Amino acid sequence: MDRPLRLVAANPLDALARSLEAVLVVASQPLTLAELAHALDDDPERVETALALLSERFREGRSGIVLEKVAGGWAFRASTDAAAACARLFERPVQKGLSAAAVETLAIVAYLGPVSRPAIARIRGIAADSTVAGLIERGLIAEAGRENGGGAVQYRVTPLFERVFGLESLSELPRLDDLGDGADAIRDRLVAVAEKRTA
């Protein structure tokens, strides 16, 4: 005797979660809850619930990609297990080849930004023009207006900086007081964070 066909009601959030997954896959940068709700034309609370569903579906140890909150928004990244293969494929150009001067300058901009080239040079004790230009080219810092409305150009770190260093926001940087004295301590801490992120 044939068993009767049972219809299983689909979770109403499944369709939203699938659309959310697609939006996050095609996004070139982390997206905020408001940006996701706008893109999906849905209520932010429902999108947040769908994010929780996806976070569980794409968590470390369960999937090759992981959904994480980073740089003020949501984005996919390679799982720890898959990171080495991805690094070999793409060679991580942003993270490779950062000189000590570049890391030192990044630390100054991250902690003190917006900050101008002359201020960076004063802190480092050496001209920062080429270092700043290189960091702009890599997309790790960007212009953030001028000092006093018309003075030297000021710079700030970008969302890419936060993403590369695994920060949800700059508030996650360690307190300067906790790093000890001098630029070396700050540089060492940022290098350690970057190494942990890419390990």
Protein backbone atom coordinates (compact mmCIF):
# COMPACT_ATOMS: atom_id res chain seq x y z
CA MET A 1 0.00 0.00 0.00
CA ASP A 2 1.34 3.41 -0.95
CA ARG A 3 2.02 5.84 1.82
CA PRO A 4 0.25 9.19 1.52
CA LEU A 5 2.43 12.01 0.32
CA ARG A 6 3.29 14.34 3.19
CA LEU A 7 3.90 17.98 2.40
CA VAL A 8 6.54 19.54 4.56
CA ALA A 9 6.14 23.25 5.11
CA ALA A 10 9.29 25.10 4.13
CA ASN A 11 10.84 27.41 6.67
CA PRO A 12 9.68 30.89 5.61
CA LEU A 13 13.20 32.21 6.19
CA ASP A 14 14.83 29.68 3.85
CA ALA A 15 14.07 31.70 0.70
CA LEU A 16 15.30 34.89 2.38
CA ALA A 17 18.46 33.10 3.60
CA ARG A 18 19.17 31.82 0.07
CA SER A 19 18.82 35.33 -1.37
CA LEU A 20 20.97 36.70 1.45
CA GLU A 21 23.63 34.08 0.71
CA ALA A 22 23.66 35.09 -2.97
CA VAL A 23 23.97 38.80 -2.16
CA LEU A 24 26.88 38.15 0.19
CA VAL A 25 28.64 35.93 -2.36
CA VAL A 26 28.55 38.59 -5.09
CA ALA A 27 29.38 41.52 -2.78
CA SER A 28 32.89 42.91 -3.13
CA GLN A 29 32.98 44.19 0.46
CA PRO A 30 31.23 43.58 3.79
CA LEU A 31 27.59 44.72 3.84
CA THR A 32 25.81 46.24 6.82
CA LEU A 33 22.43 45.01 8.04
CA ALA A 34 20.80 48.12 6.56
CA GLU A 35 22.46 47.51 3.16
CA LEU A 36 21.36 43.87 3.21
CA ALA A 37 17.78 44.77 4.16
CA HIS A 38 17.68 47.33 1.33
CA ALA A 39 19.10 44.89 -1.23
CA LEU A 40 16.66 42.17 -0.18
CA ASP A 41 13.75 44.63 0.18
CA ASP A 42 12.93 43.05 3.52
CA ASP A 43 12.60 43.91 7.18
CA PRO A 44 15.95 44.29 9.01
CA GLU A 45 14.75 42.01 11.85
CA ARG A 46 13.96 39.21 9.39
CA VAL A 47 17.32 39.75 7.66
CA GLU A 48 19.06 39.56 11.05
CA THR A 49 17.27 36.26 11.77
CA ALA A 50 18.31 34.96 8.34
CA LEU A 51 21.91 36.05 9.09
CA ALA A 52 21.83 33.95 12.26
CA LEU A 53 20.59 30.99 10.21
CA LEU A 54 23.39 31.45 7.66
CA SER A 55 25.98 31.95 10.42
CA GLU A 56 25.10 28.53 11.75
CA ARG A 57 25.08 26.98 8.28
CA PHE A 58 28.45 28.54 7.41
CA ARG A 59 30.36 28.24 10.66
CA GLU A 60 33.97 27.19 11.23
CA GLY A 61 34.36 23.43 11.02
CA ARG A 62 31.11 22.91 9.14
CA SER A 63 31.80 24.59 5.81
CA GLY A 64 34.69 25.67 3.59
CA ILE A 65 33.46 29.23 3.84
CA VAL A 66 32.52 31.09 7.00
CA LEU A 67 30.09 33.96 7.46
CA GLU A 68 31.52 36.61 9.77
CA LYS A 69 30.84 40.14 10.93
CA VAL A 70 33.84 42.22 9.93
CA ALA A 71 34.61 45.85 9.02
CA GLY A 72 31.16 46.93 10.22
CA GLY A 73 29.31 44.50 7.98
CA TRP A 74 28.82 40.86 7.01
CA ALA A 75 31.00 38.90 4.57
CA PHE A 76 32.11 35.40 3.67
CA ARG A 77 35.73 34.32 4.14
CA ALA A 78 37.59 31.06 3.69
CA SER A 79 37.48 28.73 6.67
CA THR A 80 40.70 28.18 8.58
CA ASP A 81 41.05 24.74 6.96
CA ALA A 82 40.71 26.20 3.45
CA ALA A 83 42.71 29.42 3.98
CA ALA A 84 46.06 27.96 2.88
CA ALA A 85 44.65 26.74 -0.44
CA CYS A 86 42.98 30.10 -1.07
CA ALA A 87 46.18 31.97 -0.19
CA ARG A 88 48.14 29.88 -2.69
CA LEU A 89 45.57 30.60 -5.38
CA PHE A 90 45.40 34.36 -4.85
CA GLU A 91 48.78 34.98 -3.17
CA ARG A 92 47.06 37.49 -0.82
CA PRO A 93 48.64 40.56 -2.48
CA VAL A 94 47.38 42.99 0.17
CA GLN A 95 48.96 41.08 3.03
CA LYS A 96 52.20 40.08 1.33
CA GLY A 97 55.12 42.40 1.23
CA LEU A 98 54.06 44.94 3.86
CA SER A 99 57.31 46.51 4.97
CA ALA A 100 57.99 47.52 8.56
CA ALA A 101 57.53 51.14 7.45
CA ALA A 102 54.13 50.31 5.94
CA VAL A 103 52.95 48.47 9.06
CA GLU A 104 54.21 51.31 11.26
CA THR A 105 52.38 53.86 9.09
CA LEU A 106 49.21 51.74 9.15
CA ALA A 107 49.36 51.65 12.94
CA ILE A 108 49.68 55.42 13.12
CA VAL A 109 46.75 55.94 10.73
CA ALA A 110 44.61 53.31 12.48
CA TYR A 111 45.16 54.73 15.94
CA LEU A 112 45.40 58.45 15.19
CA GLY A 113 43.47 58.88 11.92
CA PRO A 114 42.51 60.97 10.29
CA VAL A 115 46.14 62.03 10.21
CA SER A 116 48.29 63.88 7.65
CA ARG A 117 51.58 62.85 6.01
CA PRO A 118 53.53 65.53 7.91
CA ALA A 119 52.11 64.20 11.18
CA ILE A 120 53.00 60.62 10.19
CA ALA A 121 56.53 61.75 9.28
CA ARG A 122 56.90 63.50 12.66
CA ILE A 123 55.82 60.40 14.54
CA ARG A 124 58.00 58.03 12.49
CA GLY A 125 60.92 60.45 12.27
CA ILE A 126 61.21 59.93 8.51
CA ALA A 127 59.33 61.05 5.38
CA ALA A 128 56.20 59.01 4.70
CA ASP A 129 55.27 60.03 1.14
CA SER A 130 56.13 56.78 -0.67
CA THR A 131 54.79 54.61 2.17
CA VAL A 132 51.47 56.46 2.22
CA ALA A 133 51.23 56.24 -1.59
CA GLY A 134 51.82 52.47 -1.44
CA LEU A 135 49.14 52.00 1.22
CA ILE A 136 46.66 54.03 -0.84
CA GLU A 137 47.46 51.87 -3.88
CA ARG A 138 46.80 48.71 -1.86
CA GLY A 139 43.48 50.15 -0.67
CA LEU A 140 44.40 50.03 3.02
CA ILE A 141 44.17 53.80 3.60
CA ALA A 142 42.25 56.60 1.86
CA GLU A 143 41.95 60.37 1.94
CA ALA A 144 39.74 61.78 4.69
CA GLY A 145 39.60 65.52 4.04
CA ARG A 146 42.11 68.23 4.89
CA GLU A 147 43.48 69.60 8.13
CA ASN A 148 41.54 72.68 9.24
CA GLY A 149 39.55 72.71 6.01
CA GLY A 150 42.44 73.57 3.68
CA GLY A 151 45.72 72.25 5.04
CA ALA A 152 47.47 68.94 4.42
CA VAL A 153 45.47 65.94 3.22
CA GLN A 154 44.50 63.59 6.04
CA TYR A 155 44.23 59.81 5.80
CA ARG A 156 42.15 57.11 7.47
CA VAL A 157 42.18 53.33 7.23
CA THR A 158 39.60 51.70 4.96
CA PRO A 159 37.12 48.86 5.48
CA LEU A 160 39.62 46.68 3.60
CA PHE A 161 42.16 47.33 6.40
CA GLU A 162 39.58 46.15 8.94
CA ARG A 163 38.82 43.08 6.86
CA VAL A 164 42.48 42.17 6.28
CA PHE A 165 43.21 42.43 10.00
CA GLY A 166 39.97 40.68 11.03
CA LEU A 167 38.45 43.63 12.87
CA GLU A 168 34.74 44.32 13.09
CA SER A 169 35.62 47.95 13.77
CA LEU A 170 38.61 50.02 14.89
CA SER A 171 37.29 49.81 18.45
CA GLU A 172 38.64 46.24 18.47
CA LEU A 173 42.23 47.48 18.20
CA PRO A 174 44.10 47.03 21.47
CA ARG A 175 44.35 50.13 23.63
CA LEU A 176 47.54 52.07 23.06
CA ASP A 177 48.28 51.95 26.79
CA ASP A 178 48.28 48.15 26.61
CA LEU A 179 50.91 48.08 23.86
CA GLY A 180 53.78 49.68 25.72
CA ASP A 181 55.90 52.57 24.50
CA GLY A 182 56.96 53.32 20.96
CA ALA A 183 55.98 52.43 17.42
CA ASP A 184 57.70 49.04 17.64
CA ALA A 185 55.13 47.79 20.15
CA ILE A 186 52.24 48.95 17.97
CA ARG A 187 53.82 47.47 14.84
CA ASP A 188 54.47 44.14 16.58
CA ARG A 189 50.83 43.93 17.75
CA LEU A 190 49.43 44.63 14.26
CA VAL A 191 51.79 42.07 12.70
CA ALA A 192 50.66 39.50 15.29
CA VAL A 193 46.99 40.18 14.50
CA ALA A 194 47.67 39.85 10.76
CA GLU A 195 49.58 36.58 11.25
CA LYS A 196 46.78 35.16 13.39
CA ARG A 197 44.26 36.12 10.73
CA THR A 198 46.18 34.43 7.90
CA ALA A 199 47.37 31.38 9.88
